[in-house]
Protein backbone atom coordinates (compact mmCIF):
# COMPACT_ATOMS: atom_id res chain seq x y z
CA MET A 1 108.28 68.13 91.15
CA ILE A 2 109.34 68.65 94.94
CA ARG A 3 108.82 72.58 94.22
CA ILE A 4 105.46 71.53 92.66
CA VAL A 5 104.09 69.53 96.09
CA ARG A 6 105.70 72.55 98.22
CA SER A 7 103.72 75.07 96.22
CA LEU A 8 100.78 72.88 96.72
CA ILE A 9 101.33 72.63 100.37
CA TYR A 10 101.62 76.62 100.68
CA ARG A 11 98.21 77.70 98.72
CA PHE A 12 96.40 74.62 100.88
CA ASN A 13 97.97 76.73 104.02
CA MET A 14 97.44 79.97 102.64
CA LYS A 15 93.73 79.23 102.02
CA ARG A 16 93.41 78.27 105.51
CA LEU A 17 95.13 81.60 107.43
CA THR A 18 93.38 84.90 108.01
CA ASP A 19 93.93 87.88 105.65
CA SER A 20 96.70 89.79 108.31
CA LEU A 21 98.53 86.42 108.64
CA LYS A 22 99.26 86.47 104.91
CA ARG A 23 100.06 89.48 104.88
CA ASP A 24 102.34 89.55 107.61
CA ILE A 25 104.07 86.36 106.00
CA LEU A 26 104.30 88.14 102.92
CA LEU A 27 105.97 90.58 103.79
CA ARG A 28 108.23 88.48 105.89
CA ILE A 29 109.06 87.18 102.77
CA ARG A 30 110.25 90.31 101.11
CA SER A 31 112.36 91.34 103.49
CA GLN A 32 114.37 88.04 103.56
CA PHE A 33 115.46 89.03 99.80
CA GLU A 34 116.08 93.49 101.39
CA ARG A 35 118.45 91.30 103.74
CA LYS A 36 121.06 90.41 101.59
CA ASP A 37 120.91 93.88 100.25
CA LEU A 38 121.02 95.28 103.91
CA GLU A 39 123.98 93.09 104.84
CA GLU A 40 125.86 94.32 101.39
CA ALA A 41 124.96 97.44 101.97
CA ARG A 42 126.06 97.30 105.36
CA LYS A 43 129.47 96.12 104.48
CA LEU A 44 130.17 98.52 101.51
CA HIS A 45 129.21 101.93 103.76
CA GLU A 46 130.00 101.20 107.62
CA HIS A 47 133.18 102.54 107.73
CA GLU A 48 132.31 106.57 106.71
CA TYR A 49 129.69 106.43 109.70
CA VAL A 50 132.59 105.81 112.17
CA HIS A 51 134.87 109.13 111.98
CA PRO A 52 132.85 112.06 110.56
CA SER A 53 131.75 113.77 113.64
CA ASP A 54 129.25 116.36 112.24
CA PRO A 55 127.98 114.42 108.71
CA LEU A 56 125.31 115.69 106.23
CA VAL A 57 121.89 115.01 106.71
CA SER A 58 119.93 115.03 103.98
CA ILE A 59 116.41 116.27 104.73
CA THR A 60 113.56 114.95 102.81
CA ILE A 61 109.78 116.53 102.15
CA ALA A 62 106.77 115.24 100.17
CA THR A 63 104.23 117.58 99.09
CA TYR A 64 101.75 117.99 97.24
CA ASN A 65 99.30 122.02 97.15
CA ARG A 66 100.55 123.18 100.75
CA ALA A 67 102.63 125.51 99.74
CA GLU A 68 101.88 128.08 102.08
CA ILE A 69 101.78 125.76 104.97
CA LEU A 70 105.56 124.31 103.98
CA VAL A 71 107.20 127.75 103.42
CA ASN A 72 105.42 129.78 106.37
CA ARG A 73 105.00 127.21 108.70
CA THR A 74 106.79 123.80 107.90
CA LEU A 75 110.32 125.08 106.24
CA PRO A 76 111.52 127.54 108.86
CA SER A 77 111.31 125.15 111.99
CA VAL A 78 114.22 123.50 109.49
CA PHE A 79 116.35 126.59 109.38
CA ALA A 80 115.70 127.40 112.71
CA GLN A 81 117.53 124.11 113.89
CA SER A 82 120.68 124.25 116.29
CA TYR A 83 122.90 121.96 113.78
CA GLN A 84 122.81 123.32 110.69
CA ASN A 85 125.07 120.89 108.19
CA PHE A 86 121.99 119.61 106.18
CA GLU A 87 120.61 119.78 102.60
CA ILE A 88 116.93 120.09 101.94
CA ILE A 89 115.36 118.04 99.06
CA VAL A 90 111.24 118.99 98.26
CA VAL A 91 109.55 117.03 96.15
CA GLY A 92 105.49 117.71 94.80
CA ASP A 93 103.85 115.13 93.66
CA GLY A 94 102.67 116.97 90.76
CA CYS A 95 101.89 119.95 92.54
CA MET A 96 99.53 122.28 90.61
CA ASP A 97 99.41 125.60 92.91
CA ASN A 98 102.50 128.04 93.66
CA THR A 99 104.64 125.35 95.31
CA PRO A 100 107.60 126.06 93.03
CA ASP A 101 107.38 129.93 92.83
CA LEU A 102 106.79 130.12 96.77
CA ILE A 103 110.44 127.08 97.14
CA ASN A 104 112.21 129.04 94.23
CA SER A 105 112.08 132.45 96.00
CA ILE A 106 113.84 131.20 98.69
CA THR A 107 117.81 131.86 98.27
CA ASP A 108 119.07 128.72 100.86
CA PRO A 109 121.31 127.10 98.55
CA ARG A 110 120.70 123.85 100.48
CA LEU A 111 117.31 123.67 99.02
CA ARG A 112 116.15 121.54 96.68
CA PHE A 113 113.16 121.69 94.77
CA ILE A 114 111.68 118.66 91.83
CA ASN A 115 107.83 118.81 90.63
CA LEU A 116 106.99 115.29 89.27
CA PRO A 117 105.32 116.07 85.90
CA GLU A 118 102.15 114.61 87.80
CA ARG A 119 100.98 112.72 90.47
CA GLY A 120 101.34 109.66 91.67
CA ALA A 121 98.75 106.70 90.70
CA TYR A 122 97.09 106.60 93.94
CA PRO A 123 93.97 104.21 94.87
CA GLU A 124 90.89 106.19 94.16
CA ASP A 125 89.36 104.61 97.51
CA PRO A 126 90.12 107.80 100.25
CA SER A 127 90.78 105.79 102.88
CA ARG A 128 93.51 103.88 101.20
CA ARG A 129 95.01 106.84 99.18
CA HIS A 130 95.80 108.10 102.58
CA PHE A 131 98.01 104.83 103.35
CA VAL A 132 100.47 105.98 100.09
CA ALA A 133 100.19 109.57 99.44
CA GLY A 134 103.53 110.80 98.94
CA THR A 135 105.70 107.45 98.16
CA PHE A 136 106.36 108.39 95.09
CA PRO A 137 107.89 112.24 95.24
CA ILE A 138 109.37 110.42 98.73
CA ASN A 139 110.88 108.13 96.60
CA ARG A 140 111.97 110.53 94.58
CA ALA A 141 113.91 112.54 97.01
CA LEU A 142 115.73 109.52 98.40
CA GLN A 143 117.26 109.25 95.13
CA GLU A 144 118.71 113.36 95.25
CA VAL A 145 120.10 112.92 98.93
CA THR A 146 123.92 113.22 99.36
CA GLY A 147 123.59 113.18 102.74
CA LEU A 148 124.98 110.55 105.38
CA TRP A 149 121.61 110.27 107.42
CA ILE A 150 118.11 110.65 106.30
CA ALA A 151 115.51 113.02 108.34
CA HIS A 152 111.61 113.19 106.93
CA LEU A 153 109.43 116.09 107.96
CA ASP A 154 105.71 115.85 106.76
CA ASP A 155 104.90 118.64 104.40
CA ASP A 156 102.85 120.22 107.07
CA GLU A 157 104.21 119.75 110.27
CA VAL A 158 107.39 121.21 112.54
CA TRP A 159 110.19 120.08 114.19
CA SER A 160 111.79 121.15 117.53
CA VAL A 161 115.02 123.35 116.85
CA ASP A 162 117.48 120.60 117.94
CA HIS A 163 115.31 117.74 116.81
CA LEU A 164 118.45 117.19 113.83
CA GLU A 165 120.89 117.21 117.21
CA VAL A 166 118.84 115.12 119.35
CA LEU A 167 119.13 112.44 116.92
CA LEU A 168 121.91 112.44 115.20
CA ARG A 169 123.69 112.47 118.41
CA PHE A 170 121.99 110.10 120.18
CA ALA A 171 121.96 107.26 117.00
CA GLN A 172 126.13 108.34 116.99
CA SER A 173 126.95 107.86 120.59
CA HIS A 174 123.99 104.11 120.23
CA SER A 175 125.84 103.00 116.55
CA LEU A 176 122.21 102.48 115.65
CA GLU A 177 120.90 102.65 111.95
CA PHE A 178 117.63 104.04 112.72
CA VAL A 179 115.93 106.58 114.98
CA SER A 180 113.20 108.02 116.14
CA GLY A 181 111.38 110.19 118.84
CA PHE A 182 108.12 111.20 120.13
CA ALA A 183 105.33 114.20 118.69
CA MET A 184 102.46 115.43 119.66
CA VAL A 185 99.53 116.08 117.88
CA GLU A 186 96.64 117.98 117.62
CA LEU A 187 93.35 116.23 118.06
CA ALA A 188 90.97 119.82 118.15
CA PRO A 189 91.79 123.24 118.62
CA GLY A 190 93.94 123.95 121.48
CA ASP A 191 93.38 119.53 122.20
CA TRP A 192 97.16 117.76 122.07
CA ARG A 193 98.16 113.91 122.06
CA GLU A 194 101.87 113.26 122.68
CA LEU A 195 102.69 109.83 120.15
CA THR A 196 104.96 107.45 121.51
CA SER A 197 107.41 106.02 119.83
CA SER A 198 108.13 102.22 119.65
CA SER A 199 111.36 100.41 118.48
CA PHE A 200 111.64 97.66 116.54
CA ASN A 201 111.64 94.95 119.14
CA GLU A 202 108.71 96.08 120.50
CA ALA A 203 106.47 96.67 118.25
CA GLY A 204 108.37 95.67 114.82
CA GLY A 205 108.24 98.63 112.92
CA ARG A 206 104.64 99.88 113.80
CA ASN A 207 103.63 103.26 116.58
CA ILE A 208 106.69 105.86 114.26
CA HIS A 209 105.60 108.92 113.68
CA HIS A 210 107.31 109.42 109.94
CA SER A 211 108.29 112.83 111.00
CA THR A 212 110.28 111.83 113.40
CA VAL A 213 112.83 109.24 112.23
CA MET A 214 116.78 109.51 110.99
CA PHE A 215 118.34 106.91 109.61
CA ARG A 216 121.92 105.82 108.09
CA THR A 217 121.33 107.06 103.92
CA TYR A 218 122.22 103.17 102.98
CA LEU A 219 118.55 101.98 104.34
CA ARG A 220 117.22 104.01 101.39
CA LEU A 221 117.19 100.59 99.84
CA PHE A 222 113.57 99.68 101.56
CA LYS A 223 111.44 101.67 98.83
CA PHE A 224 108.29 103.40 99.59
CA ASP A 225 105.43 101.04 98.58
CA PRO A 226 102.32 102.45 96.95
CA LYS A 227 100.60 99.25 97.39
CA ALA A 228 101.05 99.28 101.35
CA TRP A 229 97.45 99.58 101.68
CA TRP A 230 96.91 95.97 100.91
CA TYR A 231 98.65 95.68 103.92
CA ASN A 232 96.28 98.22 105.40
CA MET A 233 98.76 100.55 106.46
CA GLY A 234 100.60 103.56 105.80
CA GLY A 235 104.12 103.38 103.38
CA ASP A 236 106.02 104.45 106.39
CA TRP A 237 104.80 101.61 108.81
CA HIS A 238 105.40 98.71 105.74
CA THR A 239 108.37 100.66 105.04
CA PHE A 240 109.83 100.35 109.08
CA MET A 241 108.49 96.53 109.57
CA ARG A 242 110.57 95.58 106.74
CA MET A 243 113.30 97.42 108.16
CA ALA A 244 112.74 95.56 111.51
CA TYR A 245 112.16 92.25 110.31
CA CYS A 246 115.67 92.28 108.45
CA GLY A 247 117.18 93.44 111.72
CA VAL A 248 118.09 97.29 111.56
CA LYS A 249 119.91 98.43 114.57
CA ASP A 250 117.47 100.93 116.25
CA GLY A 251 116.43 103.35 118.82
CA VAL A 252 114.32 105.80 120.75
CA VAL A 253 114.54 108.61 121.65
CA ASN A 254 112.15 109.15 124.83
CA ARG A 255 111.13 113.91 124.38
CA VAL A 256 108.89 115.09 121.83
CA VAL A 257 111.20 116.03 119.22
CA ASN A 258 108.34 116.80 116.32
CA GLU A 259 104.59 118.42 116.77
CA ALA A 260 101.64 118.09 113.61
CA PRO A 261 99.50 121.32 114.43
CA LEU A 262 95.95 121.25 112.41
CA ARG A 263 96.11 122.29 109.27
CA PRO A 264 94.19 126.56 108.83
CA GLY A 265 90.59 125.33 108.85
CA THR A 266 90.05 122.40 110.21
CA THR A 267 89.39 120.85 112.92
CA ARG A 268 90.61 117.17 113.25
CA PRO A 269 94.42 116.03 112.55
CA TRP A 270 95.51 114.03 109.27
CA ALA A 271 94.33 111.03 110.74
CA LEU A 272 91.20 111.86 111.35
CA ALA A 273 90.63 114.20 108.37
CA GLU A 274 87.68 113.61 105.37
CA ASP A 275 90.54 115.41 102.91
CA ARG A 276 93.05 112.42 102.82
CA THR A 277 94.76 114.18 100.17
């Protein structure tokens, strides 16, 4: 009986709340379950991060029919890193272009490619699809990593040459679980804007550019949700907010570590483009 009464009160109160508050409440409730998993993961893996000074970093890249940009722009910025102890896991979202051929032509043994048999089931609405496109290959890539740290890179962006080294050393020296940096985004040909990151304490997981993050591998328990569009946010912010609610220890490197140039033939960035695939 008590449970029934509580349920009725909860439903009544939820009807009186705005949609944004409802979403935030549901996100916090979900995070409470993940908090228990995080506490167990910390106990199990915390000792692994004490001694290695140069641990293996796993780089995750989700891609969909952007073979030329990926191979000629994005991957070279990874191979040029000052920190070289890494592996790269590229997962195709059911790519139908020549992505498999071009990636398989790269002989570096640190690179692995998996192409999902079909593209993920995303919303038909372009705006909603933009929020969650790539969640299926990202989750698959997270399953494949073997390093102690994970760094993500979008398939059309470019890292600074010391990206991995700067983020890793900052996280190690401050005993962090999650670290992010700043990004430069090209809004129009030759017109660049700096995007700063905010700590979890400042913005609760928002205002973080996905390609600037590095985090401990056990945080992959926070899977990317293909339904994040319902919260009016991207899958990355949805994931980072849950981390913030669970008390993940994070910090921000106050410098640019990533660039997002325009794609060839476009005049607006990914955030404004009409083709949000």
